Structure formats: C-alpha cells, structure tokens
C-alpha cells in the first residue's frame, strides 16, 4: 500500500515539462554525442538529430520535450542545418537524453560512421553470431550472441 500511495502522490503532483527557449534563440539544438572511447560531437549547434529509440525512431529539434530514451541498434542522423546532408552513424545501442534547455545527448556503446561499414562482410558476421548462439551453453554466451545478431541485422537493414 505504501508504494501505491507514493506513486499516486508523485503522479498527482507532477506536471509535464516543456522545453525552455534555447539560449541560441530557439532555432538550434545543442548536441553531444560520445562513446566510452571518444567524443564525436561536443556542444555543437545542429538543426535536427534522429536516433533509433526502443519505442521507434525519434526526430529531435530545438525545444523538444525533455526525454530519456534507450537506443536500439540503428542509425543516428545529424543535420547541422535544415539544408545540409545528414551525417550518419550506426550505433549498437545506448541512451539519448533531451534536457529542457534544448540539449540532446547520445551516449552509445559504439558508433561507426555509416560510410566506414563494409556491408559485404555483414552476412558472414551474422552467420557467425547465429552459430555462436546455437552453440552457447551459458546464458551470458547466448546474450552476447543475441546482441551481435541484433546489431548485424540492423546493419543489414541500412544497406537496403
């Protein structure tokens, strides 16, 4: 009972947050993008970011509602201006956060520029991961193989 009272009280006192006007005038999004190994973008003003959320792809513009999203393997697209060509990265997973101050941050376990992916190798890598999954005896081995299969299937989908 105590848990339900806490939740009810919390929900009834909460309010939806809307993003504040960005310090840059509200037309650009402050963007940060990093992996454990490198910072790809640090406080870069961009027009739009699209990321692969678990619940679906999200396009983020300035003044987006604050959000925390778990990312699935897929494509991150960054448009520096409305007219620019997108910068594309493949991420294997991670988290995206949007703050009320119009800052979008992506922390990914891995990020690879799409133009550096050798798509001809992916079918064999997927086959290897499927074989590893079938041979796995321990749960940890199965989980690692399943993650690899998910990543390679998402990469293959980019080629189409």
N, C-alpha and C. Protein backbone atom coordinates (compact mmCIF):
# COMPACT_ATOMS: atom_id res chain seq x y z
N UNK A 1 0.81 -1.20 0.00
CA UNK A 1 0.00 0.00 0.00
C UNK A 1 0.85 1.26 0.00
N UNK A 2 1.91 1.24 0.75
CA UNK A 2 2.75 2.42 0.84
C UNK A 2 3.29 2.80 -0.54
N UNK A 3 3.67 1.83 -1.35
CA UNK A 3 4.19 2.10 -2.70
C UNK A 3 3.15 2.78 -3.56
N UNK A 4 1.89 2.33 -3.50
CA UNK A 4 0.84 2.93 -4.32
C UNK A 4 0.56 4.36 -3.89
N UNK A 5 0.58 4.61 -2.59
CA UNK A 5 0.35 5.97 -2.11
C UNK A 5 1.44 6.90 -2.61
N UNK A 6 2.67 6.43 -2.59
CA UNK A 6 3.78 7.24 -3.06
C UNK A 6 3.61 7.55 -4.54
N UNK A 7 3.29 6.56 -5.34
CA UNK A 7 3.13 6.76 -6.77
C UNK A 7 1.99 7.72 -7.05
N UNK A 8 0.85 7.52 -6.41
CA UNK A 8 -0.29 8.42 -6.62
C UNK A 8 0.06 9.86 -6.26
N UNK A 9 0.73 10.01 -5.13
CA UNK A 9 1.12 11.35 -4.69
C UNK A 9 2.11 11.96 -5.69
N UNK A 10 3.05 11.17 -6.12
CA UNK A 10 4.05 11.65 -7.06
C UNK A 10 3.40 12.04 -8.39
N UNK A 11 2.55 11.18 -8.91
CA UNK A 11 1.90 11.45 -10.20
C UNK A 11 0.98 12.65 -10.11
N UNK A 12 0.22 12.75 -9.04
CA UNK A 12 -0.73 13.86 -8.95
C UNK A 12 -0.03 15.21 -8.79
N UNK A 13 1.21 15.22 -8.27
CA UNK A 13 1.93 16.47 -8.10
C UNK A 13 2.88 16.76 -9.26
N UNK A 14 3.03 15.81 -10.16
CA UNK A 14 3.95 16.04 -11.28
C UNK A 14 3.25 16.85 -12.35
N UNK A 15 4.04 17.42 -13.22
CA UNK A 15 3.48 18.17 -14.34
C UNK A 15 4.35 17.89 -15.56
N UNK A 16 3.75 17.93 -16.74
CA UNK A 16 4.58 17.72 -17.93
C UNK A 16 5.55 18.88 -18.11
N UNK A 17 6.76 18.57 -18.50
CA UNK A 17 7.76 19.59 -18.73
C UNK A 17 7.82 19.92 -20.21
N UNK A 18 7.89 21.17 -20.52
CA UNK A 18 8.11 21.62 -21.89
C UNK A 18 9.49 22.25 -21.94
N UNK A 19 10.14 22.12 -23.06
CA UNK A 19 11.47 22.69 -23.19
C UNK A 19 11.40 24.20 -23.13
N UNK A 20 12.43 24.77 -22.53
CA UNK A 20 12.53 26.22 -22.48
C UNK A 20 13.10 26.71 -23.80
N UNK A 21 12.99 27.98 -24.05
CA UNK A 21 13.60 28.54 -25.25
C UNK A 21 15.11 28.41 -25.12
N UNK A 22 15.72 27.86 -26.15
CA UNK A 22 17.16 27.64 -26.12
C UNK A 22 17.90 28.97 -26.07
N UNK A 23 19.07 29.00 -25.42
CA UNK A 23 19.83 30.24 -25.32
C UNK A 23 20.20 30.81 -26.69
N UNK A 24 20.23 29.98 -27.73
CA UNK A 24 20.62 30.44 -29.06
C UNK A 24 19.45 31.04 -29.81
N UNK A 25 18.32 31.24 -29.18
CA UNK A 25 17.18 31.83 -29.85
C UNK A 25 16.10 30.82 -30.17
N UNK A 26 16.31 29.59 -29.83
CA UNK A 26 15.28 28.59 -30.01
C UNK A 26 15.25 27.89 -31.35
N UNK A 27 16.21 28.16 -32.24
CA UNK A 27 16.17 27.53 -33.56
C UNK A 27 17.17 26.41 -33.73
N UNK A 28 18.12 26.26 -32.81
CA UNK A 28 19.10 25.19 -32.92
C UNK A 28 19.10 24.35 -31.66
N UNK A 29 19.59 23.17 -31.84
CA UNK A 29 19.69 22.18 -30.78
C UNK A 29 21.15 22.04 -30.40
N UNK A 30 21.46 22.07 -29.13
CA UNK A 30 22.82 21.80 -28.67
C UNK A 30 22.99 20.28 -28.63
N UNK A 31 24.04 19.77 -29.27
CA UNK A 31 24.18 18.32 -29.44
C UNK A 31 25.50 17.82 -28.89
N UNK A 32 25.40 16.71 -28.16
CA UNK A 32 26.57 16.00 -27.62
C UNK A 32 26.43 14.53 -28.00
N UNK A 33 27.53 13.92 -28.43
CA UNK A 33 27.49 12.53 -28.88
C UNK A 33 28.83 11.90 -28.53
N UNK A 34 28.78 10.84 -27.73
CA UNK A 34 30.04 10.22 -27.31
C UNK A 34 29.88 8.72 -27.13
N UNK A 35 31.03 8.06 -27.14
CA UNK A 35 31.15 6.65 -26.79
C UNK A 35 32.12 6.59 -25.61
N UNK A 36 32.33 5.42 -25.04
CA UNK A 36 33.33 5.34 -23.96
C UNK A 36 34.75 5.67 -24.44
N UNK A 37 34.95 5.68 -25.77
CA UNK A 37 36.29 5.85 -26.32
C UNK A 37 36.56 7.22 -26.93
N UNK A 38 35.48 7.95 -27.31
CA UNK A 38 35.71 9.23 -27.96
C UNK A 38 34.47 10.12 -27.88
N UNK A 39 34.72 11.40 -28.02
CA UNK A 39 33.64 12.39 -28.11
C UNK A 39 33.52 12.75 -29.60
N UNK A 40 32.35 12.49 -30.17
CA UNK A 40 32.13 12.74 -31.59
C UNK A 40 31.63 14.17 -31.84
N UNK A 41 30.73 14.63 -30.98
CA UNK A 41 30.22 16.00 -31.03
C UNK A 41 30.19 16.53 -29.60
N UNK A 42 30.70 17.73 -29.40
CA UNK A 42 30.70 18.34 -28.07
C UNK A 42 30.08 19.72 -28.18
N UNK A 43 28.87 19.88 -27.66
CA UNK A 43 28.18 21.16 -27.66
C UNK A 43 28.16 21.81 -29.05
N UNK A 44 27.71 21.05 -30.01
CA UNK A 44 27.60 21.51 -31.40
C UNK A 44 26.17 21.95 -31.67
N UNK A 45 25.99 23.12 -32.25
CA UNK A 45 24.66 23.58 -32.64
C UNK A 45 24.25 22.86 -33.92
N UNK A 46 23.12 22.17 -33.87
CA UNK A 46 22.62 21.44 -35.03
C UNK A 46 21.14 21.76 -35.22
N UNK A 47 20.64 21.44 -36.39
CA UNK A 47 19.24 21.67 -36.70
C UNK A 47 18.37 20.52 -36.18
N UNK A 48 18.79 19.26 -36.48
CA UNK A 48 17.98 18.10 -36.08
C UNK A 48 18.87 16.88 -35.87
N UNK A 49 18.44 16.04 -34.94
CA UNK A 49 19.06 14.74 -34.70
C UNK A 49 17.95 13.70 -34.73
N UNK A 50 18.21 12.58 -35.39
CA UNK A 50 17.27 11.46 -35.38
C UNK A 50 18.01 10.27 -34.79
N UNK A 51 17.37 9.63 -33.79
CA UNK A 51 18.01 8.46 -33.17
C UNK A 51 17.06 7.28 -33.14
N UNK A 52 17.63 6.05 -33.05
CA UNK A 52 16.80 4.84 -33.05
C UNK A 52 16.40 4.45 -31.63
N UNK A 53 15.28 4.96 -31.16
CA UNK A 53 14.81 4.62 -29.82
C UNK A 53 14.17 3.24 -29.79
N UNK A 54 14.13 2.63 -28.64
CA UNK A 54 13.49 1.32 -28.50
C UNK A 54 12.02 1.37 -28.90
N UNK A 55 11.37 2.50 -28.67
CA UNK A 55 9.95 2.64 -29.00
C UNK A 55 9.75 3.17 -30.42
N UNK A 56 10.84 3.39 -31.16
CA UNK A 56 10.75 3.91 -32.52
C UNK A 56 11.75 5.02 -32.72
N UNK A 57 11.93 5.39 -33.97
CA UNK A 57 12.88 6.46 -34.28
C UNK A 57 12.31 7.79 -33.81
N UNK A 58 13.19 8.66 -33.31
CA UNK A 58 12.80 9.97 -32.81
C UNK A 58 13.57 11.04 -33.55
N UNK A 59 12.85 12.03 -34.07
CA UNK A 59 13.48 13.21 -34.64
C UNK A 59 13.42 14.32 -33.61
N UNK A 60 14.57 14.90 -33.31
CA UNK A 60 14.66 15.89 -32.25
C UNK A 60 15.06 17.23 -32.84
N UNK A 61 14.26 18.25 -32.59
CA UNK A 61 14.54 19.63 -32.97
C UNK A 61 14.71 20.46 -31.70
N UNK A 62 15.09 21.71 -31.85
CA UNK A 62 15.17 22.61 -30.70
C UNK A 62 13.82 22.65 -30.00
N UNK A 63 13.83 22.83 -28.70
CA UNK A 63 12.63 22.93 -27.85
C UNK A 63 11.82 21.64 -27.79
N UNK A 64 12.47 20.51 -28.01
CA UNK A 64 11.81 19.21 -27.88
C UNK A 64 11.50 18.95 -26.41
N UNK A 65 10.46 18.22 -26.16
CA UNK A 65 10.11 17.87 -24.78
C UNK A 65 11.24 17.06 -24.15
N UNK A 66 11.58 17.30 -22.90
CA UNK A 66 12.63 16.52 -22.24
C UNK A 66 12.31 15.02 -22.29
N UNK A 67 13.33 14.24 -22.59
CA UNK A 67 13.15 12.81 -22.83
C UNK A 67 14.38 12.04 -22.41
N UNK A 68 14.18 10.81 -21.98
CA UNK A 68 15.26 9.83 -21.83
C UNK A 68 14.83 8.62 -22.64
N UNK A 69 15.70 8.17 -23.54
CA UNK A 69 15.35 7.05 -24.41
C UNK A 69 16.48 6.03 -24.45
N UNK A 70 16.11 4.76 -24.36
CA UNK A 70 17.08 3.70 -24.60
C UNK A 70 17.17 3.52 -26.11
N UNK A 71 18.39 3.41 -26.62
CA UNK A 71 18.58 3.27 -28.06
C UNK A 71 18.79 1.81 -28.42
N UNK A 72 18.23 1.43 -29.56
CA UNK A 72 18.44 0.09 -30.12
C UNK A 72 19.51 0.22 -31.21
N UNK A 73 20.04 -0.88 -31.70
CA UNK A 73 20.98 -0.78 -32.82
C UNK A 73 20.30 -0.11 -34.02
N UNK A 74 20.97 0.88 -34.59
CA UNK A 74 20.39 1.57 -35.73
C UNK A 74 21.13 2.84 -36.09
N UNK A 75 20.46 3.66 -36.87
CA UNK A 75 21.06 4.84 -37.49
C UNK A 75 20.79 6.11 -36.69
N UNK A 76 21.86 6.87 -36.45
CA UNK A 76 21.76 8.23 -35.91
C UNK A 76 22.08 9.16 -37.07
N UNK A 77 21.17 10.10 -37.33
CA UNK A 77 21.38 11.10 -38.38
C UNK A 77 21.45 12.49 -37.76
N UNK A 78 22.45 13.26 -38.15
CA UNK A 78 22.62 14.62 -37.65
C UNK A 78 22.56 15.58 -38.82
N UNK A 79 21.64 16.53 -38.75
CA UNK A 79 21.56 17.60 -39.75
C UNK A 79 22.08 18.87 -39.08
N UNK A 80 23.20 19.38 -39.57
CA UNK A 80 23.75 20.59 -38.97
C UNK A 80 22.91 21.81 -39.33
N UNK A 81 22.36 21.84 -40.54
CA UNK A 81 21.41 22.87 -40.95
C UNK A 81 20.25 22.16 -41.64
N UNK A 82 19.16 22.87 -41.85
CA UNK A 82 17.99 22.27 -42.50
C UNK A 82 18.31 21.82 -43.92
N UNK A 83 19.28 22.44 -44.57
CA UNK A 83 19.60 22.13 -45.96
C UNK A 83 20.80 21.20 -46.11
N UNK A 84 21.50 20.89 -45.04
CA UNK A 84 22.73 20.11 -45.14
C UNK A 84 22.46 18.63 -45.36
N UNK A 85 23.47 17.94 -45.85
CA UNK A 85 23.42 16.48 -45.97
C UNK A 85 23.59 15.90 -44.56
N UNK A 86 22.84 14.84 -44.24
CA UNK A 86 22.97 14.29 -42.88
C UNK A 86 24.31 13.58 -42.67
N UNK A 87 24.82 13.72 -41.47
CA UNK A 87 25.98 12.95 -41.01
C UNK A 87 25.37 11.70 -40.38
N UNK A 88 25.82 10.51 -40.81
CA UNK A 88 25.19 9.27 -40.38
C UNK A 88 26.17 8.38 -39.62
N UNK A 89 25.69 7.89 -38.47
CA UNK A 89 26.45 6.95 -37.66
C UNK A 89 25.56 5.75 -37.37
N UNK A 90 26.17 4.58 -37.31
CA UNK A 90 25.47 3.39 -36.82
C UNK A 90 25.86 3.24 -35.36
N UNK A 91 24.84 3.08 -34.49
CA UNK A 91 25.10 2.83 -33.07
C UNK A 91 24.59 1.44 -32.72
N UNK A 92 25.30 0.77 -31.83
CA UNK A 92 24.89 -0.57 -31.42
C UNK A 92 23.93 -0.54 -30.24
N UNK A 93 23.69 0.62 -29.70
CA UNK A 93 22.80 0.79 -28.56
C UNK A 93 23.31 1.93 -27.71
N UNK A 94 22.56 2.27 -26.68
CA UNK A 94 22.98 3.35 -25.80
C UNK A 94 21.77 4.08 -25.23
N UNK A 95 21.98 5.35 -24.90
CA UNK A 95 20.91 6.17 -24.34
C UNK A 95 20.95 7.56 -24.96
N UNK A 96 19.77 8.15 -25.11
CA UNK A 96 19.63 9.52 -25.57
C UNK A 96 18.88 10.31 -24.51
N UNK A 97 19.32 11.52 -24.28
CA UNK A 97 18.69 12.39 -23.28
C UNK A 97 18.48 13.77 -23.91
N UNK A 98 17.29 14.31 -23.70
CA UNK A 98 17.00 15.67 -24.13
C UNK A 98 16.65 16.46 -22.87
N UNK A 99 17.33 17.58 -22.67
CA UNK A 99 17.10 18.41 -21.49
C UNK A 99 16.13 19.54 -21.81
N UNK A 100 15.56 20.16 -20.78
CA UNK A 100 14.67 21.30 -21.02
C UNK A 100 15.36 22.49 -21.70
N UNK A 101 16.69 22.53 -21.66
CA UNK A 101 17.43 23.64 -22.27
C UNK A 101 17.81 23.36 -23.72
N UNK A 102 17.14 22.41 -24.37
CA UNK A 102 17.38 22.06 -25.78
C UNK A 102 18.78 21.51 -26.01
N UNK A 103 19.21 20.62 -25.14
CA UNK A 103 20.45 19.88 -25.35
C UNK A 103 20.08 18.41 -25.52
N UNK A 104 20.54 17.84 -26.62
CA UNK A 104 20.35 16.40 -26.87
C UNK A 104 21.70 15.73 -26.73
N UNK A 105 21.75 14.66 -25.94
CA UNK A 105 22.99 13.93 -25.71
C UNK A 105 22.77 12.47 -26.04
N UNK A 106 23.71 11.90 -26.77
CA UNK A 106 23.70 10.47 -27.04
C UNK A 106 24.97 9.89 -26.45
N UNK A 107 24.80 8.84 -25.67
CA UNK A 107 25.92 8.05 -25.19
C UNK A 107 25.70 6.64 -25.73
N UNK A 108 26.57 6.22 -26.63
CA UNK A 108 26.43 4.93 -27.30
C UNK A 108 27.61 4.04 -26.94
N UNK A 109 27.35 2.74 -26.88
CA UNK A 109 28.43 1.81 -26.59
C UNK A 109 29.43 1.77 -27.74
N UNK A 110 28.94 1.93 -28.97
CA UNK A 110 29.78 2.01 -30.16
C UNK A 110 29.08 2.90 -31.18
N UNK A 111 29.86 3.63 -31.96
CA UNK A 111 29.32 4.45 -33.04
C UNK A 111 30.29 4.39 -34.21
N UNK A 112 29.77 4.03 -35.37
CA UNK A 112 30.59 3.86 -36.57
C UNK A 112 30.01 4.73 -37.67
N UNK A 113 30.83 5.58 -38.32
CA UNK A 113 30.30 6.30 -39.48
C UNK A 113 29.80 5.29 -40.52
N UNK A 114 28.61 5.51 -41.04
CA UNK A 114 28.00 4.54 -41.96
C UNK A 114 28.88 4.30 -43.17
N UNK A 115 29.56 5.32 -43.65
CA UNK A 115 30.39 5.12 -44.85
C UNK A 115 31.65 4.30 -44.57
N UNK A 116 31.90 3.94 -43.31
CA UNK A 116 33.04 3.08 -42.97
C UNK A 116 32.63 1.62 -42.76
N UNK A 117 31.34 1.32 -42.89
CA UNK A 117 30.87 -0.06 -42.70
C UNK A 117 31.09 -0.84 -43.99
N UNK A 118 31.69 -2.00 -43.88
CA UNK A 118 31.87 -2.89 -45.02
C UNK A 118 30.67 -3.84 -45.06
N UNK A 119 29.66 -3.45 -45.83
CA UNK A 119 28.41 -4.20 -45.85
C UNK A 119 28.58 -5.61 -46.42
N UNK A 120 29.61 -5.86 -47.20
CA UNK A 120 29.81 -7.19 -47.77
C UNK A 120 30.21 -8.22 -46.71
N UNK A 121 30.75 -7.77 -45.57
CA UNK A 121 31.16 -8.69 -44.50
C UNK A 121 30.03 -9.05 -43.55
N UNK A 122 28.96 -8.27 -43.55
CA UNK A 122 27.91 -8.44 -42.54
C UNK A 122 27.19 -9.78 -42.61
N UNK A 123 26.83 -10.30 -43.80
CA UNK A 123 26.15 -11.61 -43.81
C UNK A 123 26.96 -12.72 -43.12
N UNK A 124 28.28 -12.73 -43.34
CA UNK A 124 29.11 -13.75 -42.70
C UNK A 124 29.18 -13.52 -41.19
N UNK A 125 29.28 -12.27 -40.77
CA UNK A 125 29.31 -11.97 -39.34
C UNK A 125 28.00 -12.38 -38.67
N UNK A 126 26.88 -12.17 -39.37
CA UNK A 126 25.58 -12.59 -38.84
C UNK A 126 25.51 -14.10 -38.72
N UNK A 127 25.99 -14.81 -39.73
CA UNK A 127 26.02 -16.28 -39.69
C UNK A 127 26.87 -16.76 -38.52
N UNK A 128 28.01 -16.12 -38.30
CA UNK A 128 28.88 -16.50 -37.17
C UNK A 128 28.18 -16.27 -35.84
N UNK A 129 27.47 -15.17 -35.71
CA UNK A 129 26.75 -14.87 -34.47
C UNK A 129 25.62 -15.88 -34.24
N UNK A 130 24.91 -16.25 -35.31
CA UNK A 130 23.84 -17.25 -35.18
C UNK A 130 24.41 -18.61 -34.76
N UNK A 131 25.56 -18.97 -35.31
CA UNK A 131 26.21 -20.22 -34.91
C UNK A 131 26.64 -20.18 -33.46
N UNK A 132 27.18 -19.04 -33.04
CA UNK A 132 27.60 -18.89 -31.65
C UNK A 132 26.40 -19.00 -30.72
N UNK A 133 25.26 -18.45 -31.13
CA UNK A 133 24.05 -18.53 -30.32
C UNK A 133 23.60 -19.99 -30.17
N UNK A 134 23.63 -20.74 -31.26
CA UNK A 134 23.21 -22.16 -31.24
C UNK A 134 24.15 -23.01 -30.39
N UNK A 135 25.44 -22.70 -30.40
CA UNK A 135 26.43 -23.47 -29.64
C UNK A 135 26.51 -23.06 -28.17
N UNK A 136 25.98 -21.91 -27.83
CA UNK A 136 26.14 -21.35 -26.48
C UNK A 136 25.52 -22.27 -25.43
N UNK A 137 26.27 -22.49 -24.36
CA UNK A 137 25.79 -23.29 -23.25
C UNK A 137 25.42 -22.43 -22.05
N UNK A 138 26.08 -21.32 -21.90
CA UNK A 138 25.84 -20.41 -20.79
C UNK A 138 24.93 -19.26 -21.24
N UNK A 139 24.15 -18.74 -20.28
CA UNK A 139 23.26 -17.61 -20.60
C UNK A 139 24.04 -16.40 -21.11
N UNK A 140 25.19 -16.14 -20.51
CA UNK A 140 25.98 -14.98 -20.92
C UNK A 140 26.41 -15.10 -22.39
N UNK A 141 26.80 -16.31 -22.80
CA UNK A 141 27.19 -16.53 -24.19
C UNK A 141 25.99 -16.31 -25.12
N UNK A 142 24.82 -16.77 -24.71
CA UNK A 142 23.61 -16.58 -25.52
C UNK A 142 23.26 -15.10 -25.65
N UNK A 143 23.37 -14.36 -24.55
CA UNK A 143 23.06 -12.93 -24.58
C UNK A 143 24.03 -12.20 -25.51
N UNK A 144 25.32 -12.49 -25.41
CA UNK A 144 26.30 -11.83 -26.27
C UNK A 144 26.04 -12.15 -27.74
N UNK A 145 25.73 -13.39 -28.04
CA UNK A 145 25.44 -13.77 -29.42
C UNK A 145 24.15 -13.10 -29.91
N UNK A 146 23.14 -13.00 -29.05
CA UNK A 146 21.89 -12.34 -29.43
C UNK A 146 22.12 -10.86 -29.73
N UNK A 147 22.92 -10.21 -28.92
CA UNK A 147 23.25 -8.81 -29.17
C UNK A 147 23.95 -8.66 -30.52
N UNK A 148 24.91 -9.54 -30.79
CA UNK A 148 25.61 -9.48 -32.07
C UNK A 148 24.64 -9.69 -33.23
N UNK A 149 23.72 -10.64 -33.10
CA UNK A 149 22.73 -10.87 -34.16
C UNK A 149 21.87 -9.63 -34.39
N UNK A 150 21.42 -9.00 -33.30
CA UNK A 150 20.60 -7.79 -33.42
C UNK A 150 21.36 -6.67 -34.12
N UNK A 151 22.62 -6.50 -33.77
CA UNK A 151 23.45 -5.45 -34.37
C UNK A 151 23.63 -5.71 -35.86
N UNK A 152 23.99 -6.94 -36.24
CA UNK A 152 24.23 -7.23 -37.65
C UNK A 152 22.95 -7.16 -38.48
N UNK A 153 21.83 -7.55 -37.91
CA UNK A 153 20.55 -7.42 -38.63
C UNK A 153 20.21 -5.95 -38.86
N UNK A 154 20.46 -5.11 -37.87
CA UNK A 154 20.21 -3.67 -38.02
C UNK A 154 21.14 -3.07 -39.07
N UNK A 155 22.39 -3.53 -39.10
CA UNK A 155 23.34 -3.05 -40.12
C UNK A 155 22.87 -3.45 -41.52
N UNK A 156 22.41 -4.67 -41.65
CA UNK A 156 21.93 -5.13 -42.95
C UNK A 156 20.74 -4.30 -43.42
N UNK A 157 19.91 -3.88 -42.50
CA UNK A 157 18.75 -3.07 -42.86
C UNK A 157 19.17 -1.70 -43.42
N UNK A 158 20.33 -1.20 -43.03
CA UNK A 158 20.82 0.09 -43.53
C UNK A 158 21.16 0.02 -45.01
N UNK A 159 21.60 -1.14 -45.44
CA UNK A 159 22.07 -1.30 -46.83
C UNK A 159 20.91 -1.21 -47.83
N UNK A 160 19.71 -1.50 -47.38
CA UNK A 160 18.55 -1.55 -48.28
C UNK A 160 18.06 -0.19 -48.65
